[in-house]
Amino acid sequence: MITKFLTNVSTTFNPFSPRAKTARNFLALLPPNARSTMKVDVKMLPRTSKEPIRLSLKFKDGKEMDLDLQKLKIGDVEEEVNRHSRGLARQEELSGN
């Protein structure tokens, strides 16, 4: 997964819920230096919480993504992040930076 262009990752989930697997896997895919290169905000909900699982991403170009993890698997999330990151990489390459 291309994380070079992420500036902000925010997630809210109940760690005991089986549906939280996608959020946990996404956080596991972040590089070890993620907290020094981007803002990572993780909010863990109590076991009895009925609040939906949420993942919000912000990119260097200002684009924000709010992903519904009730419907998406980790492969789908990776695909969305990589699709936008490849476009940003292409723009960066064309501008000569």
PDB file of N, CA and C in Angstrom:
ATOM      1  N   MET A   1       0.844  -1.163   0.000  1.00  0.00           N
ATOM      2  CA  MET A   1       0.000   0.000   0.000  1.00  0.00           C
ATOM      3  C   MET A   1       0.903   1.244   0.000  1.00  0.00           C
ATOM      4  N   ILE A   2       0.543   2.233  -0.805  1.00  0.00           N
ATOM      5  CA  ILE A   2       1.314   3.461  -0.932  1.00  0.00           C
ATOM      6  C   ILE A   2       0.828   4.450   0.132  1.00  0.00           C
ATOM      7  N   THR A   3       1.640   4.680   1.171  1.00  0.00           N
ATOM      8  CA  THR A   3       1.248   5.569   2.265  1.00  0.00           C
ATOM      9  C   THR A   3       2.006   6.887   2.242  1.00  0.00           C
ATOM     10  N   LYS A   4       2.849   7.077   1.253  1.00  0.00           N
ATOM     11  CA  LYS A   4       3.692   8.268   1.164  1.00  0.00           C
ATOM     12  C   LYS A   4       2.874   9.559   1.121  1.00  0.00           C
ATOM     13  N   PHE A   5       1.693   9.527   0.546  1.00  0.00           N
ATOM     14  CA  PHE A   5       0.898  10.725   0.333  1.00  0.00           C
ATOM     15  C   PHE A   5      -0.188  10.929   1.385  1.00  0.00           C
ATOM     16  N   LEU A   6      -0.279  10.049   2.375  1.00  0.00           N
ATOM     17  CA  LEU A   6      -1.255  10.205   3.454  1.00  0.00           C
ATOM     18  C   LEU A   6      -0.736  11.208   4.474  1.00  0.00           C
ATOM     19  N   THR A   7      -1.598  12.113   4.923  1.00  0.00           N
ATOM     20  CA  THR A   7      -1.211  13.069   5.952  1.00  0.00           C
ATOM     21  C   THR A   7      -1.964  12.839   7.249  1.00  0.00           C
ATOM     22  N   ASN A   8      -3.145  12.223   7.167  1.00  0.00           N
ATOM     23  CA  ASN A   8      -3.971  12.049   8.344  1.00  0.00           C
ATOM     24  C   ASN A   8      -4.760  10.749   8.231  1.00  0.00           C
ATOM     25  N   VAL A   9      -4.701   9.928   9.266  1.00  0.00           N
ATOM     26  CA  VAL A   9      -5.484   8.688   9.338  1.00  0.00           C
ATOM     27  C   VAL A   9      -6.258   8.733  10.641  1.00  0.00           C
ATOM     28  N   SER A  10      -7.565   8.605  10.560  1.00  0.00           N
ATOM     29  CA  SER A  10      -8.406   8.624  11.742  1.00  0.00           C
ATOM     30  C   SER A  10      -9.369   7.439  11.670  1.00  0.00           C
ATOM     31  N   THR A  11      -9.418   6.655  12.730  1.00  0.00           N
ATOM     32  CA  THR A  11     -10.299   5.502  12.739  1.00  0.00           C
ATOM     33  C   THR A  11     -10.964   5.348  14.096  1.00  0.00           C
ATOM     34  N   THR A  12     -12.192   4.854  14.069  1.00  0.00           N
ATOM     35  CA  THR A  12     -12.962   4.573  15.273  1.00  0.00           C
ATOM     36  C   THR A  12     -13.543   3.181  15.109  1.00  0.00           C
ATOM     37  N   PHE A  13     -13.278   2.304  16.086  1.00  0.00           N
ATOM     38  CA  PHE A  13     -13.814   0.950  15.990  1.00  0.00           C
ATOM     39  C   PHE A  13     -13.870   0.282  17.351  1.00  0.00           C
ATOM     40  N   ASN A  14     -14.698  -0.738  17.428  1.00  0.00           N
ATOM     41  CA  ASN A  14     -14.806  -1.588  18.602  1.00  0.00           C
ATOM     42  C   ASN A  14     -13.874  -2.777  18.357  1.00  0.00           C
ATOM     43  N   PRO A  15     -12.785  -2.901  19.096  1.00  0.00           N
ATOM     44  CA  PRO A  15     -11.802  -3.951  18.805  1.00  0.00           C
ATOM     45  C   PRO A  15     -12.346  -5.369  18.989  1.00  0.00           C
ATOM     46  N   PHE A  16     -13.474  -5.506  19.682  1.00  0.00           N
ATOM     47  CA  PHE A  16     -14.036  -6.827  19.922  1.00  0.00           C
ATOM     48  C   PHE A  16     -15.019  -7.254  18.836  1.00  0.00           C
ATOM     49  N   SER A  17     -15.365  -6.349  17.961  1.00  0.00           N
ATOM     50  CA  SER A  17     -16.308  -6.647  16.888  1.00  0.00           C
ATOM     51  C   SER A  17     -15.609  -7.375  15.741  1.00  0.00           C
ATOM     52  N   PRO A  18     -16.234  -8.405  15.194  1.00  0.00           N
ATOM     53  CA  PRO A  18     -15.623  -9.089  14.044  1.00  0.00           C
ATOM     54  C   PRO A  18     -15.494  -8.182  12.821  1.00  0.00           C
ATOM     55  N   ARG A  19     -16.331  -7.162  12.717  1.00  0.00           N
ATOM     56  CA  ARG A  19     -16.273  -6.239  11.580  1.00  0.00           C
ATOM     57  C   ARG A  19     -15.106  -5.269  11.686  1.00  0.00           C
ATOM     58  N   ALA A  20     -14.449  -5.210  12.829  1.00  0.00           N
ATOM     59  CA  ALA A  20     -13.323  -4.294  13.026  1.00  0.00           C
ATOM     60  C   ALA A  20     -12.031  -4.833  12.420  1.00  0.00           C
ATOM     61  N   LYS A  21     -12.084  -6.013  11.862  1.00  0.00           N
ATOM     62  CA  LYS A  21     -10.884  -6.637  11.304  1.00  0.00           C
ATOM     63  C   LYS A  21     -10.245  -5.768  10.222  1.00  0.00           C
ATOM     64  N   THR A  22     -11.049  -5.155   9.380  1.00  0.00           N
ATOM     65  CA  THR A  22     -10.516  -4.314   8.303  1.00  0.00           C
ATOM     66  C   THR A  22      -9.761  -3.119   8.876  1.00  0.00           C
ATOM     67  N   ALA A  23     -10.303  -2.478   9.902  1.00  0.00           N
ATOM     68  CA  ALA A  23      -9.629  -1.334  10.519  1.00  0.00           C
ATOM     69  C   ALA A  23      -8.315  -1.774  11.164  1.00  0.00           C
ATOM     70  N   ARG A  24      -8.329  -2.893  11.856  1.00  0.00           N
ATOM     71  CA  ARG A  24      -7.101  -3.390  12.500  1.00  0.00           C
ATOM     72  C   ARG A  24      -6.054  -3.745  11.460  1.00  0.00           C
ATOM     73  N   ASN A  25      -6.473  -4.378  10.376  1.00  0.00           N
ATOM     74  CA  ASN A  25      -5.534  -4.742   9.312  1.00  0.00           C
ATOM     75  C   ASN A  25      -4.958  -3.500   8.634  1.00  0.00           C
ATOM     76  N   PHE A  26      -5.780  -2.475   8.421  1.00  0.00           N
ATOM     77  CA  PHE A  26      -5.286  -1.244   7.807  1.00  0.00           C
ATOM     78  C   PHE A  26      -4.213  -0.608   8.690  1.00  0.00           C
ATOM     79  N   LEU A  27      -4.465  -0.542   9.980  1.00  0.00           N
ATOM     80  CA  LEU A  27      -3.478   0.033  10.903  1.00  0.00           C
ATOM     81  C   LEU A  27      -2.196  -0.792  10.921  1.00  0.00           C
ATOM     82  N   ALA A  28      -2.317  -2.097  10.770  1.00  0.00           N
ATOM     83  CA  ALA A  28      -1.136  -2.963  10.745  1.00  0.00           C
ATOM     84  C   ALA A  28      -0.312  -2.750   9.476  1.00  0.00           C
ATOM     85  N   LEU A  29      -0.945  -2.311   8.393  1.00  0.00           N
ATOM     86  CA  LEU A  29      -0.236  -2.086   7.133  1.00  0.00           C
ATOM     87  C   LEU A  29       0.520  -0.754   7.086  1.00  0.00           C
ATOM     88  N   LEU A  30       0.252   0.119   8.030  1.00  0.00           N
ATOM     89  CA  LEU A  30       0.980   1.388   8.060  1.00  0.00           C
ATOM     90  C   LEU A  30       2.438   1.128   8.410  1.00  0.00           C
ATOM     91  N   PRO A  31       3.354   1.901   7.821  1.00  0.00           N
ATOM     92  CA  PRO A  31       4.782   1.681   8.097  1.00  0.00           C
ATOM     93  C   PRO A  31       5.130   2.028   9.546  1.00  0.00           C
ATOM     94  N   PRO A  32       6.249   1.512  10.049  1.00  0.00           N
ATOM     95  CA  PRO A  32       6.637   1.776  11.439  1.00  0.00           C
ATOM     96  C   PRO A  32       6.841   3.255  11.762  1.00  0.00           C
ATOM     97  N   ASN A  33       7.228   4.055  10.782  1.00  0.00           N
ATOM     98  CA  ASN A  33       7.450   5.485  11.015  1.00  0.00           C
ATOM     99  C   ASN A  33       6.204   6.320  10.721  1.00  0.00           C
ATOM    100  N   ALA A  34       5.032   5.706  10.683  1.00  0.00           N
ATOM    101  CA  ALA A  34       3.804   6.402  10.301  1.00  0.00           C
ATOM    102  C   ALA A  34       3.492   7.586  11.206  1.00  0.00           C
ATOM    103  N   ARG A  35       3.717   7.449  12.475  1.00  0.00           N
ATOM    104  CA  ARG A  35       3.389   8.544  13.402  1.00  0.00           C
ATOM    105  C   ARG A  35       4.296   9.757  13.230  1.00  0.00           C
ATOM    106  N   SER A  36       5.450   9.566  12.608  1.00  0.00           N
ATOM    107  CA  SER A  36       6.330  10.715  12.376  1.00  0.00           C
ATOM    108  C   SER A  36       6.045  11.389  11.033  1.00  0.00           C
ATOM    109  N   THR A  37       5.406  10.679  10.110  1.00  0.00           N
ATOM    110  CA  THR A  37       5.141  11.248   8.786  1.00  0.00           C
ATOM    111  C   THR A  37       3.690  11.652   8.580  1.00  0.00           C
ATOM    112  N   MET A  38       2.783  11.188   9.444  1.00  0.00           N
ATOM    113  CA  MET A  38       1.364  11.522   9.318  1.00  0.00           C
ATOM    114  C   MET A  38       0.729  11.538  10.705  1.00  0.00           C
ATOM    115  N   LYS A  39      -0.431  12.137  10.789  1.00  0.00           N
ATOM    116  CA  LYS A  39      -1.168  12.161  12.045  1.00  0.00           C
ATOM    117  C   LYS A  39      -2.059  10.919  12.086  1.00  0.00           C
ATOM    118  N   VAL A  40      -1.880  10.094  13.094  1.00  0.00           N
ATOM    119  CA  VAL A  40      -2.667   8.868  13.245  1.00  0.00           C
ATOM    120  C   VAL A  40      -3.509   9.001  14.502  1.00  0.00           C
ATOM    121  N   ASP A  41      -4.836   8.918  14.337  1.00  0.00           N
ATOM    122  CA  ASP A  41      -5.759   9.035  15.455  1.00  0.00           C
ATOM    123  C   ASP A  41      -6.610   7.775  15.503  1.00  0.00           C
ATOM    124  N   VAL A  42      -6.488   7.034  16.596  1.00  0.00           N
ATOM    125  CA  VAL A  42      -7.240   5.791  16.761  1.00  0.00           C
ATOM    126  C   VAL A  42      -8.112   5.923  17.996  1.00  0.00           C
ATOM    127  N   LYS A  43      -9.406   5.712  17.826  1.00  0.00           N
ATOM    128  CA  LYS A  43     -10.333   5.747  18.951  1.00  0.00           C
ATOM    129  C   LYS A  43     -10.960   4.366  19.083  1.00  0.00           C
ATOM    130  N   MET A  44     -10.708   3.738  20.219  1.00  0.00           N
ATOM    131  CA  MET A  44     -11.278   2.417  20.476  1.00  0.00           C
ATOM    132  C   MET A  44     -12.547   2.583  21.301  1.00  0.00           C
ATOM    133  N   LEU A  45     -13.592   1.934  20.848  1.00  0.00           N
ATOM    134  CA  LEU A  45     -14.890   2.015  21.505  1.00  0.00           C
ATOM    135  C   LEU A  45     -15.042   0.877  22.512  1.00  0.00           C
ATOM    136  N   PRO A  46     -15.923   1.045  23.493  1.00  0.00           N
ATOM    137  CA  PRO A  46     -16.158  -0.049  24.438  1.00  0.00           C
ATOM    138  C   PRO A  46     -16.875  -1.219  23.766  1.00  0.00           C
ATOM    139  N   ARG A  47     -16.801  -2.361  24.408  1.00  0.00           N
ATOM    140  CA  ARG A  47     -17.369  -3.596  23.866  1.00  0.00           C
ATOM    141  C   ARG A  47     -18.851  -3.467  23.540  1.00  0.00           C
ATOM    142  N   THR A  48     -19.595  -2.707  24.313  1.00  0.00           N
ATOM    143  CA  THR A  48     -21.049  -2.604  24.142  1.00  0.00           C
ATOM    144  C   THR A  48     -21.466  -1.535  23.137  1.00  0.00           C
ATOM    145  N   SER A  49     -20.530  -0.831  22.549  1.00  0.00           N
ATOM    146  CA  SER A  49     -20.838   0.271  21.639  1.00  0.00           C
ATOM    147  C   SER A  49     -21.477  -0.229  20.339  1.00  0.00           C
ATOM    148  N   LYS A  50     -22.447   0.525  19.868  1.00  0.00           N
ATOM    149  CA  LYS A  50     -23.115   0.224  18.592  1.00  0.00           C
ATOM    150  C   LYS A  50     -22.721   1.230  17.513  1.00  0.00           C
ATOM    151  N   GLU A  51     -21.754   2.100  17.827  1.00  0.00           N
ATOM    152  CA  GLU A  51     -21.293   3.108  16.870  1.00  0.00           C
ATOM    153  C   GLU A  51     -20.640   2.414  15.676  1.00  0.00           C
ATOM    154  N   PRO A  52     -20.869   2.903  14.456  1.00  0.00           N
ATOM    155  CA  PRO A  52     -20.298   2.234  13.274  1.00  0.00           C
ATOM    156  C   PRO A  52     -18.780   2.393  13.191  1.00  0.00           C
ATOM    157  N   ILE A  53     -18.158   1.472  12.498  1.00  0.00           N
ATOM    158  CA  ILE A  53     -16.718   1.495  12.277  1.00  0.00           C
ATOM    159  C   ILE A  53     -16.435   2.557  11.219  1.00  0.00           C
ATOM    160  N   ARG A  54     -15.402   3.369  11.465  1.00  0.00           N
ATOM    161  CA  ARG A  54     -15.143   4.511  10.594  1.00  0.00           C
ATOM    162  C   ARG A  54     -13.655   4.612  10.310  1.00  0.00           C
ATOM    163  N   LEU A  55     -13.334   4.947   9.067  1.00  0.00           N
ATOM    164  CA  LEU A  55     -11.946   5.197   8.669  1.00  0.00           C
ATOM    165  C   LEU A  55     -11.936   6.432   7.780  1.00  0.00           C
ATOM    166  N   SER A  56     -11.214   7.461   8.217  1.00  0.00           N
ATOM    167  CA  SER A  56     -11.091   8.698   7.445  1.00  0.00           C
ATOM    168  C   SER A  56      -9.630   8.903   7.088  1.00  0.00           C
ATOM    169  N   LEU A  57      -9.391   9.223   5.823  1.00  0.00           N
ATOM    170  CA  LEU A  57      -8.035   9.442   5.334  1.00  0.00           C
ATOM    171  C   LEU A  57      -7.957  10.816   4.699  1.00  0.00           C
ATOM    172  N   LYS A  58      -6.807  11.464   4.854  1.00  0.00           N
ATOM    173  CA  LYS A  58      -6.573  12.751   4.215  1.00  0.00           C
ATOM    174  C   LYS A  58      -5.236  12.667   3.493  1.00  0.00           C
ATOM    175  N   PHE A  59      -5.211  13.155   2.256  1.00  0.00           N
ATOM    176  CA  PHE A  59      -4.022  13.088   1.415  1.00  0.00           C
ATOM    177  C   PHE A  59      -3.353  14.453   1.332  1.00  0.00           C
ATOM    178  N   LYS A  60      -2.128  14.483   0.804  1.00  0.00           N
ATOM    179  CA  LYS A  60      -1.353  15.717   0.691  1.00  0.00           C
ATOM    180  C   LYS A  60      -2.021  16.762  -0.189  1.00  0.00           C
ATOM    181  N   ASP A  61      -2.821  16.336  -1.151  1.00  0.00           N
ATOM    182  CA  ASP A  61      -3.495  17.289  -2.034  1.00  0.00           C
ATOM    183  C   ASP A  61      -4.794  17.827  -1.437  1.00  0.00           C
ATOM    184  N   GLY A  62      -5.136  17.396  -0.221  1.00  0.00           N
ATOM    185  CA  GLY A  62      -6.338  17.878   0.448  1.00  0.00           C
ATOM    186  C   GLY A  62      -7.543  16.982   0.308  1.00  0.00           C
ATOM    187  N   LYS A  63      -7.457  15.971  -0.518  1.00  0.00           N
ATOM    188  CA  LYS A  63      -8.597  15.063  -0.696  1.00  0.00           C
ATOM    189  C   LYS A  63      -8.821  14.264   0.582  1.00  0.00           C
ATOM    190  N   GLU A  64     -10.097  14.143   0.953  1.00  0.00           N
ATOM    191  CA  GLU A  64     -10.467  13.367   2.127  1.00  0.00           C
ATOM    192  C   GLU A  64     -11.325  12.186   1.698  1.00  0.00           C
ATOM    193  N   MET A  65     -11.073  11.039   2.305  1.00  0.00           N
ATOM    194  CA  MET A  65     -11.858   9.832   2.046  1.00  0.00           C
ATOM    195  C   MET A  65     -12.458   9.357   3.357  1.00  0.00           C
ATOM    196  N   ASP A  66     -13.759   9.158   3.367  1.00  0.00           N
ATOM    197  CA  ASP A  66     -14.434   8.526   4.494  1.00  0.00           C
ATOM    198  C   ASP A  66     -14.918   7.176   3.995  1.00  0.00           C
ATOM    199  N   LEU A  67     -14.305   6.121   4.498  1.00  0.00           N
ATOM    200  CA  LEU A  67     -14.602   4.783   4.018  1.00  0.00           C
ATOM    201  C   LEU A  67     -15.514   4.049   4.991  1.00  0.00           C
ATOM    202  N   ASP A  68     -16.536   3.387   4.440  1.00  0.00           N
ATOM    203  CA  ASP A  68     -17.468   2.602   5.242  1.00  0.00           C
ATOM    204  C   ASP A  68     -16.916   1.189   5.374  1.00  0.00           C
ATOM    205  N   LEU A  69     -16.371   0.876   6.529  1.00  0.00           N
ATOM    206  CA  LEU A  69     -15.734  -0.420   6.722  1.00  0.00           C
ATOM    207  C   LEU A  69     -16.725  -1.530   7.019  1.00  0.00           C
ATOM    208  N   GLN A  70     -18.009  -1.199   7.092  1.00  0.00           N
ATOM    209  CA  GLN A  70     -19.026  -2.235   7.245  1.00  0.00           C
ATOM    210  C   GLN A  70     -19.128  -3.051   5.951  1.00  0.00           C
ATOM    211  N   LYS A  71     -18.855  -2.383   4.816  1.00  0.00           N
ATOM    212  CA  LYS A  71     -19.025  -3.022   3.507  1.00  0.00           C
ATOM    213  C   LYS A  71     -17.699  -3.389   2.843  1.00  0.00           C
ATOM    214  N   LEU A  72     -16.627  -2.679   3.178  1.00  0.00           N
ATOM    215  CA  LEU A  72     -15.348  -2.869   2.486  1.00  0.00           C
ATOM    216  C   LEU A  72     -14.430  -3.849   3.208  1.00  0.00           C
ATOM    217  N   LYS A  73     -13.707  -4.618   2.429  1.00  0.00           N
ATOM    218  CA  LYS A  73     -12.662  -5.500   2.952  1.00  0.00           C
ATOM    219  C   LYS A  73     -11.325  -4.765   2.821  1.00  0.00           C
ATOM    220  N   ILE A  74     -10.271  -5.315   3.402  1.00  0.00           N
ATOM    221  CA  ILE A  74      -8.970  -4.665   3.397  1.00  0.00           C
ATOM    222  C   ILE A  74      -8.431  -4.491   1.973  1.00  0.00           C
ATOM    223  N   GLY A  75      -8.701  -5.427   1.091  1.00  0.00           N
ATOM    224  CA  GLY A  75      -8.262  -5.313  -0.301  1.00  0.00           C
ATOM    225  C   GLY A  75      -8.912  -4.128  -0.998  1.00  0.00           C
ATOM    226  N   ASP A  76     -10.181  -3.899  -0.700  1.00  0.00           N
ATOM    227  CA  ASP A  76     -10.895  -2.766  -1.294  1.00  0.00           C
ATOM    228  C   ASP A  76     -10.339  -1.438  -0.785  1.00  0.00           C
ATOM    229  N   VAL A  77     -10.025  -1.383   0.505  1.00  0.00           N
ATOM    230  CA  VAL A  77      -9.461  -0.166   1.089  1.00  0.00           C
ATOM    231  C   VAL A  77      -8.084   0.119   0.476  1.00  0.00           C
ATOM    232  N   GLU A  78      -7.255  -0.915   0.379  1.00  0.00           N
ATOM    233  CA  GLU A  78      -5.933  -0.762  -0.242  1.00  0.00           C
ATOM    234  C   GLU A  78      -6.058  -0.258  -1.671  1.00  0.00           C
ATOM    235  N   GLU A  79      -7.006  -0.806  -2.405  1.00  0.00           N
ATOM    236  CA  GLU A  79      -7.210  -0.412  -3.802  1.00  0.00           C
ATOM    237  C   GLU A  79      -7.576   1.068  -3.907  1.00  0.00           C
ATOM    238  N   GLU A  80      -8.467   1.546  -3.033  1.00  0.00           N
ATOM    239  CA  GLU A  80      -8.872   2.954  -3.046  1.00  0.00           C
ATOM    240  C   GLU A  80      -7.690   3.871  -2.721  1.00  0.00           C
ATOM    241  N   VAL A  81      -6.921   3.513  -1.689  1.00  0.00           N
ATOM    242  CA  VAL A  81      -5.771   4.327  -1.290  1.00  0.00           C
ATOM    243  C   VAL A  81      -4.727   4.338  -2.401  1.00  0.00           C
ATOM    244  N   ASN A  82      -4.431   3.181  -2.957  1.00  0.00           N
ATOM    245  CA  ASN A  82      -3.421   3.092  -4.015  1.00  0.00           C
ATOM    246  C   ASN A  82      -3.848   3.823  -5.279  1.00  0.00           C
ATOM    247  N   ARG A  83      -5.119   3.788  -5.605  1.00  0.00           N
ATOM    248  CA  ARG A  83      -5.614   4.468  -6.810  1.00  0.00           C
ATOM    249  C   ARG A  83      -5.333   5.966  -6.720  1.00  0.00           C
ATOM    250  N   HIS A  84      -5.671   6.569  -5.602  1.00  0.00           N
ATOM    251  CA  HIS A  84      -5.442   8.010  -5.457  1.00  0.00           C
ATOM    252  C   HIS A  84      -3.947   8.311  -5.313  1.00  0.00           C
ATOM    253  N   SER A  85      -3.215   7.472  -4.594  1.00  0.00           N
ATOM    254  CA  SER A  85      -1.781   7.698  -4.396  1.00  0.00           C
ATOM    255  C   SER A  85      -1.003   7.595  -5.701  1.00  0.00           C
ATOM    256  N   ARG A  86      -1.401   6.686  -6.575  1.00  0.00           N
ATOM    257  CA  ARG A  86      -0.726   6.577  -7.877  1.00  0.00           C
ATOM    258  C   ARG A  86      -0.928   7.844  -8.699  1.00  0.00           C
ATOM    259  N   GLY A  87      -2.117   8.419  -8.622  1.00  0.00           N
ATOM    260  CA  GLY A  87      -2.368   9.683  -9.322  1.00  0.00           C
ATOM    261  C   GLY A  87      -1.503  10.807  -8.778  1.00  0.00           C
ATOM    262  N   LEU A  88      -1.353  10.855  -7.460  1.00  0.00           N
ATOM    263  CA  LEU A  88      -0.490  11.876  -6.851  1.00  0.00           C
ATOM    264  C   LEU A  88       0.972  11.648  -7.209  1.00  0.00           C
ATOM    265  N   ALA A  89       1.388  10.396  -7.265  1.00  0.00           N
ATOM    266  CA  ALA A  89       2.778  10.069  -7.633  1.00  0.00           C
ATOM    267  C   ALA A  89       3.039  10.500  -9.081  1.00  0.00           C
ATOM    268  N   ARG A  90       2.064  10.279  -9.943  1.00  0.00           N
ATOM    269  CA  ARG A  90       2.192  10.673 -11.343  1.00  0.00           C
ATOM    270  C   ARG A  90       2.316  12.192 -11.458  1.00  0.00           C
ATOM    271  N   GLN A  91       1.500  12.944 -10.707  1.00  0.00           N
ATOM    272  CA  GLN A  91       1.579  14.409 -10.732  1.00  0.00           C
ATOM    273  C   GLN A  91       2.936  14.882 -10.213  1.00  0.00           C
ATOM    274  N   GLU A  92       3.415  14.251  -9.147  1.00  0.00           N
ATOM    275  CA  GLU A  92       4.711  14.622  -8.573  1.00  0.00           C
ATOM    276  C   GLU A  92       5.841  14.359  -9.576  1.00  0.00           C
ATOM    277  N   GLU A  93       5.748  13.242 -10.262  1.00  0.00           N
ATOM    278  CA  GLU A  93       6.771  12.879 -11.248  1.00  0.00           C
ATOM    279  C   GLU A  93       6.767  13.862 -12.425  1.00  0.00           C
ATOM    280  N   LEU A  94       5.586  14.250 -12.868  1.00  0.00           N
ATOM    281  CA  LEU A  94       5.483  15.176 -14.006  1.00  0.00           C
ATOM    282  C   LEU A  94       5.946  16.583 -13.637  1.00  0.00           C
ATOM    283  N   SER A  95       5.773  16.948 -12.376  1.00  0.00           N
ATOM    284  CA  SER A  95       6.200  18.291 -11.970  1.00  0.00           C
ATOM    285  C   SER A  95       7.692  18.348 -11.674  1.00  0.00           C
ATOM    286  N   GLY A  96       8.352  17.206 -11.635  1.00  0.00           N
ATOM    287  CA  GLY A  96       9.800  17.161 -11.470  1.00  0.00           C
ATOM    288  C   GLY A  96      10.280  17.196 -10.035  1.00  0.00           C
ATOM    289  N   ASN A  97       9.400  16.922  -9.081  1.00  0.00           N
ATOM    290  CA  ASN A  97       9.808  16.928  -7.667  1.00  0.00           C
ATOM    291  C   ASN A  97      10.271  15.570  -7.212  1.00  0.00           C
TER     292      ASN A  97
END
